[in-house]
Amino acid sequence: MSLFTYKQRNTINLVIIIALGCLIAYSLQGIFGSILSTLVLFTIMRPGFIYLVEIKKLNRSFSAILLLLLSIVVIILPFYALSSMVIQKINELQSDHLYFQNILIKLKRLVPLGTDAQNLLQEGLKKSGTWATELFPSLISGAFNIILGLLLMYFLLYFMLVQHEQFEAALVKYAPFRAQNAQRFALEMRNTTYANVLGQGFIALVQGSLVSLSFYVLGYSDPVFWGVITTFISFVPILGPPVIFVPAAILQIADGHNAAGWAMLIFGFVVIINIDNVIRFMIAKRVGNIHPIITVIGVVIGIPLFGILGLVFGPLLLSYFILLIKIYETSAMATERLERIKTISESEEL
């Protein structure tokens, strides 16, 4: 005869499952970024995969491999190439002590700076360079971790695409809410992913390109480098392109190039900033929009966890969290309503 009742055995099993789940989650914390990347890419690639398989009648494995190769060419290789370029450029600027001294000399032409202010500003510039370098994945020092993360991501993504029906059915089955809420969560998750990744990514790319083009036309140095930096910074709504083009324009004015400086300021505030609102409005009509507060808080959360990728993953995680809260509230209200109806029915029967 068993020492435990049926209910006690189930409780013990549940405790063991939770304990093992926490242990597994703790063990996977190093590859959490790869897992999240897999979910994001699956959400983006799923329509294309279904189109290739169901409309074009291509083989499942071939379609999945084709999309994976396309993502490597379009996303992975450019991102790490640009990251490598940014790291190299920042290291060059940090090792060039005359660069920061020249900046201070130009600023002193506009604003008189004391010795303490000069030292504070120079130290701040160097620390910001170090902080920016740490954000980007180094292709040399972290090559093994990067390759391992990419291999794991593409391994999971391949099977998620090829067996997407089974994967989605399992998500609906084990989701902690009703089937209709599970479908709603899937739809909202897709729209949130599109708005965060594709929408905000497109906005950042346009703003970075405009900054790079205007720098080139106006004769600023390193237009490609500063365009890339602007692209990354544009993921943060409060900061964005002005963090780049305003100091650059001020330095041009301090250096005596008034036309180039004022032209940059006018073009930046009239065109570059407002193009954000225009594109965001177009995106919101199709897939919804993410509130700037969620984006900023998400960036604060994401950067310590994922580095530069936290600009995307941080707001995404926070958006998923808020979405789960909304689903929970809907389920709780529905349950409360059903219980109220049940109570009224029982009282009427009595």
Protein backbone atom coordinates (compact mmCIF):
# COMPACT_ATOMS: atom_id res chain seq x y z
CA MET A 1 0.00 0.00 0.00
CA SER A 2 1.39 3.44 -0.99
CA LEU A 3 2.43 5.87 1.73
CA PHE A 4 0.98 8.79 -0.24
CA THR A 5 -2.46 9.54 -1.54
CA TYR A 6 -3.13 10.26 -5.21
CA LYS A 7 -3.29 14.02 -4.54
CA GLN A 8 -0.05 13.95 -2.53
CA ARG A 9 1.77 12.07 -5.30
CA ASN A 10 0.63 14.65 -7.85
CA THR A 11 1.80 17.46 -5.57
CA ILE A 12 5.23 15.81 -5.16
CA ASN A 13 5.50 15.31 -8.93
CA LEU A 14 4.62 18.97 -9.49
CA VAL A 15 7.29 20.12 -7.01
CA ILE A 16 9.88 17.90 -8.75
CA ILE A 17 8.87 19.23 -12.18
CA ILE A 18 9.15 22.84 -10.99
CA ALA A 19 12.53 22.19 -9.35
CA LEU A 20 13.92 20.49 -12.47
CA GLY A 21 12.46 23.23 -14.66
CA CYS A 22 14.20 25.91 -12.59
CA LEU A 23 17.47 23.96 -12.78
CA ILE A 24 17.17 23.60 -16.56
CA ALA A 25 16.29 27.28 -16.96
CA TYR A 26 19.32 28.26 -14.84
CA SER A 27 21.55 25.99 -16.94
CA LEU A 28 20.25 27.55 -20.16
CA GLN A 29 20.79 31.17 -19.11
CA GLY A 30 23.96 31.38 -21.20
CA ILE A 31 22.04 30.54 -24.39
CA PHE A 32 18.86 32.43 -23.57
CA GLY A 33 19.71 34.97 -26.27
CA SER A 34 19.92 32.18 -28.87
CA ILE A 35 16.55 30.78 -27.79
CA LEU A 36 14.91 34.19 -27.96
CA SER A 37 16.53 34.82 -31.36
CA THR A 38 15.09 31.52 -32.56
CA LEU A 39 11.55 32.53 -31.54
CA VAL A 40 11.93 35.94 -33.20
CA LEU A 41 13.26 34.52 -36.47
CA PHE A 42 10.61 31.77 -36.46
CA THR A 43 7.88 34.40 -36.14
CA ILE A 44 9.38 36.39 -39.02
CA MET A 45 10.14 33.42 -41.30
CA ARG A 46 6.95 31.44 -40.73
CA PRO A 47 4.87 33.22 -43.43
CA GLY A 48 7.67 32.82 -45.96
CA PHE A 49 8.07 29.13 -45.13
CA ILE A 50 4.32 28.47 -45.50
CA TYR A 51 4.35 30.35 -48.83
CA LEU A 52 7.24 28.25 -50.19
CA VAL A 53 5.77 24.93 -49.01
CA GLU A 54 2.04 25.40 -49.60
CA ILE A 55 1.96 27.82 -52.54
CA LYS A 56 5.19 27.03 -54.39
CA LYS A 57 5.06 23.33 -53.37
CA LEU A 58 8.74 23.19 -52.45
CA ASN A 59 10.27 20.56 -50.20
CA ARG A 60 10.04 21.39 -46.48
CA SER A 61 13.71 20.83 -45.71
CA PHE A 62 14.83 22.74 -48.81
CA SER A 63 12.53 25.67 -47.94
CA ALA A 64 13.81 25.80 -44.36
CA ILE A 65 17.47 25.67 -45.42
CA LEU A 66 16.84 28.33 -48.08
CA LEU A 67 15.35 30.70 -45.49
CA LEU A 68 18.18 30.01 -43.03
CA LEU A 69 20.81 30.81 -45.65
CA LEU A 70 18.92 33.95 -46.59
CA SER A 71 18.86 35.10 -42.96
CA ILE A 72 22.61 34.55 -42.68
CA VAL A 73 23.26 36.71 -45.76
CA VAL A 74 20.74 39.44 -44.91
CA ILE A 75 21.00 39.64 -41.09
CA ILE A 76 23.91 37.78 -39.49
CA LEU A 77 26.84 38.63 -41.77
CA PRO A 78 26.03 42.37 -42.10
CA PHE A 79 25.41 42.72 -38.36
CA TYR A 80 28.72 41.18 -37.32
CA ALA A 81 30.61 42.99 -40.07
CA LEU A 82 29.22 46.31 -38.88
CA SER A 83 29.87 45.37 -35.26
CA SER A 84 33.49 44.58 -36.10
CA MET A 85 33.82 47.92 -37.92
CA VAL A 86 32.38 49.82 -34.95
CA ILE A 87 34.66 48.08 -32.44
CA GLN A 88 37.73 48.77 -34.57
CA LYS A 89 36.79 52.42 -35.03
CA ILE A 90 36.08 52.99 -31.34
CA ASN A 91 39.40 51.39 -30.39
CA GLU A 92 41.18 53.68 -32.85
CA LEU A 93 39.50 56.75 -31.36
CA GLN A 94 40.32 55.67 -27.82
CA SER A 95 44.00 55.16 -28.66
CA ASP A 96 44.18 58.53 -30.41
CA HIS A 97 44.63 60.98 -27.52
CA LEU A 98 44.77 63.96 -29.89
CA TYR A 99 41.22 63.19 -31.02
CA PHE A 100 39.71 64.02 -27.63
CA GLN A 101 42.00 67.02 -27.21
CA ASN A 102 40.84 68.40 -30.56
CA ILE A 103 37.22 68.01 -29.47
CA LEU A 104 37.93 69.94 -26.28
CA ILE A 105 39.70 72.69 -28.22
CA LYS A 106 36.72 73.05 -30.56
CA LEU A 107 34.24 73.13 -27.68
CA LYS A 108 36.27 75.81 -25.87
CA ARG A 109 35.72 78.09 -28.86
CA LEU A 110 31.98 78.03 -28.12
CA VAL A 111 31.85 77.48 -24.36
CA PRO A 112 34.64 78.36 -21.91
CA LEU A 113 35.62 75.24 -19.99
CA GLY A 114 37.58 75.10 -16.76
CA THR A 115 40.25 72.50 -16.02
CA ASP A 116 37.88 70.32 -13.97
CA ALA A 117 35.23 70.45 -16.70
CA GLN A 118 37.81 69.50 -19.32
CA ASN A 119 39.01 66.50 -17.33
CA LEU A 120 35.44 65.41 -16.61
CA LEU A 121 34.43 65.68 -20.25
CA GLN A 122 37.51 63.86 -21.51
CA GLU A 123 37.02 61.05 -19.00
CA GLY A 124 33.35 60.81 -19.97
CA LEU A 125 34.22 60.52 -23.65
CA LYS A 126 36.69 57.71 -22.97
CA LYS A 127 34.27 55.80 -20.72
CA SER A 128 31.48 56.11 -23.28
CA GLY A 129 33.81 54.62 -25.86
CA THR A 130 34.66 51.71 -23.56
CA TRP A 131 30.98 51.14 -22.79
CA ALA A 132 30.09 51.18 -26.49
CA THR A 133 32.84 48.68 -27.28
CA GLU A 134 31.53 46.24 -24.67
CA LEU A 135 28.06 46.34 -26.19
CA PHE A 136 29.11 44.82 -29.49
CA PRO A 137 30.04 41.14 -29.81
CA SER A 138 33.73 40.75 -30.54
CA LEU A 139 34.43 38.40 -33.43
CA ILE A 140 37.86 37.60 -32.00
CA SER A 141 37.48 37.21 -28.24
CA GLY A 142 33.98 35.71 -28.35
CA ALA A 143 34.23 33.71 -31.56
CA PHE A 144 33.48 30.36 -29.92
CA ASN A 145 30.42 31.60 -28.03
CA ILE A 146 29.09 33.37 -31.11
CA ILE A 147 29.47 30.31 -33.34
CA LEU A 148 27.97 28.02 -30.69
CA GLY A 149 25.00 30.38 -30.23
CA LEU A 150 24.38 30.62 -33.98
CA LEU A 151 24.62 26.85 -34.47
CA LEU A 152 22.13 26.26 -31.65
CA MET A 153 19.79 28.95 -32.98
CA TYR A 154 19.75 27.56 -36.52
CA PHE A 155 19.46 23.96 -35.29
CA LEU A 156 16.32 24.83 -33.31
CA LEU A 157 14.97 27.09 -36.04
CA TYR A 158 15.26 24.40 -38.72
CA PHE A 159 13.12 21.91 -36.80
CA MET A 160 10.66 24.60 -35.68
CA LEU A 161 10.05 25.49 -39.33
CA VAL A 162 9.94 21.97 -40.73
CA GLN A 163 7.63 20.78 -37.92
CA HIS A 164 5.81 24.05 -37.29
CA GLU A 165 2.36 22.38 -37.06
CA GLN A 166 3.49 20.12 -34.22
CA PHE A 167 5.33 22.98 -32.52
CA GLU A 168 2.33 25.30 -32.64
CA ALA A 169 -0.06 22.55 -31.54
CA ALA A 170 2.18 21.84 -28.53
CA LEU A 171 2.21 25.53 -27.63
CA VAL A 172 -1.60 25.66 -27.71
CA LYS A 173 -1.87 22.42 -25.75
CA TYR A 174 0.47 23.40 -22.93
CA ALA A 175 -0.37 27.10 -22.85
CA PRO A 176 -1.75 28.11 -19.43
CA PHE A 177 -4.92 29.64 -20.91
CA ARG A 178 -7.87 28.75 -23.14
CA ALA A 179 -7.45 27.95 -26.83
CA GLN A 180 -9.00 31.25 -27.96
CA ASN A 181 -6.66 33.19 -25.67
CA ALA A 182 -3.74 31.12 -26.97
CA GLN A 183 -4.62 32.13 -30.52
CA ARG A 184 -4.97 35.74 -29.43
CA PHE A 185 -1.57 35.58 -27.72
CA ALA A 186 -0.01 34.12 -30.88
CA LEU A 187 -1.49 36.91 -33.02
CA GLU A 188 -0.44 39.66 -30.61
CA MET A 189 3.02 38.12 -30.26
CA ARG A 190 3.43 38.15 -34.03
CA ASN A 191 2.34 41.80 -34.29
CA THR A 192 4.57 42.77 -31.37
CA THR A 193 7.55 41.03 -32.94
CA TYR A 194 6.94 42.68 -36.30
CA ALA A 195 6.57 46.12 -34.70
CA ASN A 196 9.72 45.73 -32.56
CA VAL A 197 12.02 43.96 -34.98
CA LEU A 198 10.90 44.77 -38.52
CA GLY A 199 9.20 48.08 -37.84
CA GLN A 200 11.72 49.64 -35.50
CA GLY A 201 14.58 48.05 -37.44
CA PHE A 202 13.37 49.67 -40.66
CA ILE A 203 13.02 53.06 -38.93
CA ALA A 204 16.54 52.77 -37.50
CA LEU A 205 17.96 51.79 -40.90
CA VAL A 206 16.30 54.76 -42.63
CA GLN A 207 17.47 57.25 -40.00
CA GLY A 208 21.01 55.84 -40.01
CA SER A 209 21.13 56.05 -43.80
CA LEU A 210 19.91 59.66 -43.76
CA VAL A 211 22.55 60.65 -41.20
CA SER A 212 25.25 58.90 -43.22
CA LEU A 213 24.09 60.56 -46.46
CA SER A 214 23.87 64.03 -44.92
CA PHE A 215 27.32 63.63 -43.33
CA TYR A 216 28.73 62.66 -46.72
CA VAL A 217 27.07 65.54 -48.58
CA LEU A 218 28.08 68.14 -45.97
CA GLY A 219 31.67 66.89 -45.80
CA TYR A 220 31.68 65.38 -42.31
CA SER A 221 34.30 62.75 -41.50
CA ASP A 222 33.47 59.02 -41.33
CA PRO A 223 29.89 59.21 -42.63
CA VAL A 224 29.48 55.42 -42.84
CA PHE A 225 30.68 54.87 -39.28
CA TRP A 226 28.39 57.50 -37.80
CA GLY A 227 25.50 56.22 -39.90
CA VAL A 228 25.97 52.76 -38.40
CA ILE A 229 26.13 54.19 -34.87
CA THR A 230 22.94 56.16 -35.55
CA THR A 231 21.21 53.01 -36.76
CA PHE A 232 21.84 51.29 -33.43
CA ILE A 233 21.01 54.33 -31.32
CA SER A 234 17.76 54.92 -33.25
CA PHE A 235 16.26 51.92 -31.46
CA VAL A 236 16.01 54.16 -28.37
CA PRO A 237 13.17 56.68 -28.89
CA ILE A 238 14.31 59.35 -26.41
CA LEU A 239 17.93 59.42 -27.64
CA GLY A 240 17.96 58.53 -31.30
CA PRO A 241 19.78 60.39 -34.10
CA PRO A 242 20.11 63.76 -32.26
CA VAL A 243 22.74 62.14 -30.02
CA ILE A 244 24.91 61.89 -33.13
CA PHE A 245 24.07 64.78 -35.44
CA VAL A 246 23.68 67.52 -32.80
CA PRO A 247 27.23 67.19 -31.32
CA ALA A 248 28.63 66.74 -34.83
CA ALA A 249 26.93 69.93 -36.00
CA ILE A 250 28.07 71.85 -32.91
CA LEU A 251 31.67 70.75 -33.53
CA GLN A 252 31.38 71.91 -37.14
CA ILE A 253 30.13 75.33 -36.00
CA ALA A 254 32.93 75.51 -33.41
CA ASP A 255 35.41 74.68 -36.17
CA GLY A 256 34.16 77.60 -38.27
CA HIS A 257 32.01 75.58 -40.72
CA ASN A 258 28.76 77.37 -39.92
CA ALA A 259 26.93 76.38 -43.13
CA ALA A 260 27.63 72.65 -42.66
CA GLY A 261 26.71 72.84 -38.98
CA TRP A 262 23.40 74.69 -39.35
CA ALA A 263 22.44 72.66 -42.42
CA MET A 264 22.89 69.47 -40.42
CA LEU A 265 20.80 70.77 -37.53
CA ILE A 266 17.97 71.90 -39.81
CA PHE A 267 17.96 68.69 -41.87
CA GLY A 268 18.20 66.58 -38.72
CA PHE A 269 15.32 68.17 -36.83
CA VAL A 270 13.08 68.70 -39.87
CA VAL A 271 13.62 65.47 -41.83
CA ILE A 272 15.50 62.79 -39.86
CA ILE A 273 13.46 63.07 -36.68
CA ASN A 274 10.08 63.48 -38.41
CA ILE A 275 10.66 60.53 -40.75
CA ASP A 276 10.43 58.42 -37.57
CA ASN A 277 6.84 59.60 -36.95
CA VAL A 278 5.80 59.08 -40.58
CA ILE A 279 7.12 55.51 -40.80
CA ARG A 280 5.86 54.65 -37.30
CA PHE A 281 2.35 55.79 -38.29
CA MET A 282 2.44 53.58 -41.39
CA ILE A 283 3.64 50.60 -39.36
CA ALA A 284 1.03 51.16 -36.62
CA LYS A 285 -1.76 50.87 -39.21
CA ARG A 286 -0.56 47.38 -40.16
CA VAL A 287 0.89 45.65 -37.10
CA GLY A 288 0.42 48.06 -34.19
CA ASN A 289 2.91 50.23 -32.37
CA ILE A 290 5.05 49.94 -29.26
CA HIS A 291 4.79 52.72 -26.70
CA PRO A 292 8.07 54.64 -26.25
CA ILE A 293 7.98 54.00 -22.48
CA ILE A 294 8.01 50.24 -23.10
CA THR A 295 10.89 50.66 -25.54
CA VAL A 296 13.02 52.75 -23.18
CA ILE A 297 12.45 50.51 -20.14
CA GLY A 298 12.99 47.45 -22.34
CA VAL A 299 16.33 48.83 -23.53
CA VAL A 300 17.41 49.42 -19.93
CA ILE A 301 16.50 45.81 -19.13
CA GLY A 302 17.88 44.29 -22.32
CA ILE A 303 21.33 45.86 -22.71
CA PRO A 304 22.82 44.33 -19.52
CA LEU A 305 21.46 40.92 -20.59
CA PHE A 306 22.11 40.85 -24.34
CA GLY A 307 24.51 43.70 -25.11
CA ILE A 308 23.68 45.57 -28.32
CA LEU A 309 20.96 43.01 -29.12
CA GLY A 310 19.19 44.21 -25.99
CA LEU A 311 18.04 47.21 -28.04
CA VAL A 312 15.68 44.75 -29.75
CA PHE A 313 15.25 41.91 -27.26
CA GLY A 314 14.66 44.10 -24.20
CA PRO A 315 11.52 45.85 -25.53
CA LEU A 316 10.41 42.53 -27.00
CA LEU A 317 10.59 40.74 -23.64
CA LEU A 318 8.78 43.57 -21.87
CA SER A 319 6.08 43.60 -24.56
CA TYR A 320 5.59 39.83 -24.18
CA PHE A 321 5.35 40.25 -20.40
CA ILE A 322 2.69 42.96 -20.69
CA LEU A 323 0.82 40.85 -23.24
CA LEU A 324 0.75 37.90 -20.82
CA ILE A 325 -0.64 40.19 -18.11
CA LYS A 326 -3.43 41.29 -20.47
CA ILE A 327 -4.27 37.67 -21.34
CA TYR A 328 -4.32 36.77 -17.66
CA GLU A 329 -6.65 39.67 -16.85
CA THR A 330 -9.01 38.62 -19.65
CA SER A 331 -9.04 35.01 -18.42
CA ALA A 332 -9.58 36.08 -14.81
CA MET A 333 -12.50 38.33 -15.78
CA ALA A 334 -14.07 35.56 -17.86
CA THR A 335 -13.70 33.07 -14.99
CA GLU A 336 -15.20 35.54 -12.54
CA ARG A 337 -18.13 36.17 -14.89
CA LEU A 338 -18.81 32.44 -15.28
CA GLU A 339 -18.70 31.92 -11.52
CA ARG A 340 -21.13 34.82 -11.01
CA ILE A 341 -23.54 33.33 -13.58
CA LYS A 342 -23.21 29.93 -11.94
CA THR A 343 -23.95 31.41 -8.51
CA ILE A 344 -27.03 33.23 -9.83
CA SER A 345 -28.29 30.04 -11.51
CA GLU A 346 -27.87 28.01 -8.35
CA SER A 347 -29.70 30.66 -6.27
CA GLU A 348 -32.58 30.71 -8.75
CA GLU A 349 -32.88 26.91 -8.60
CA LEU A 350 -33.14 27.09 -4.81
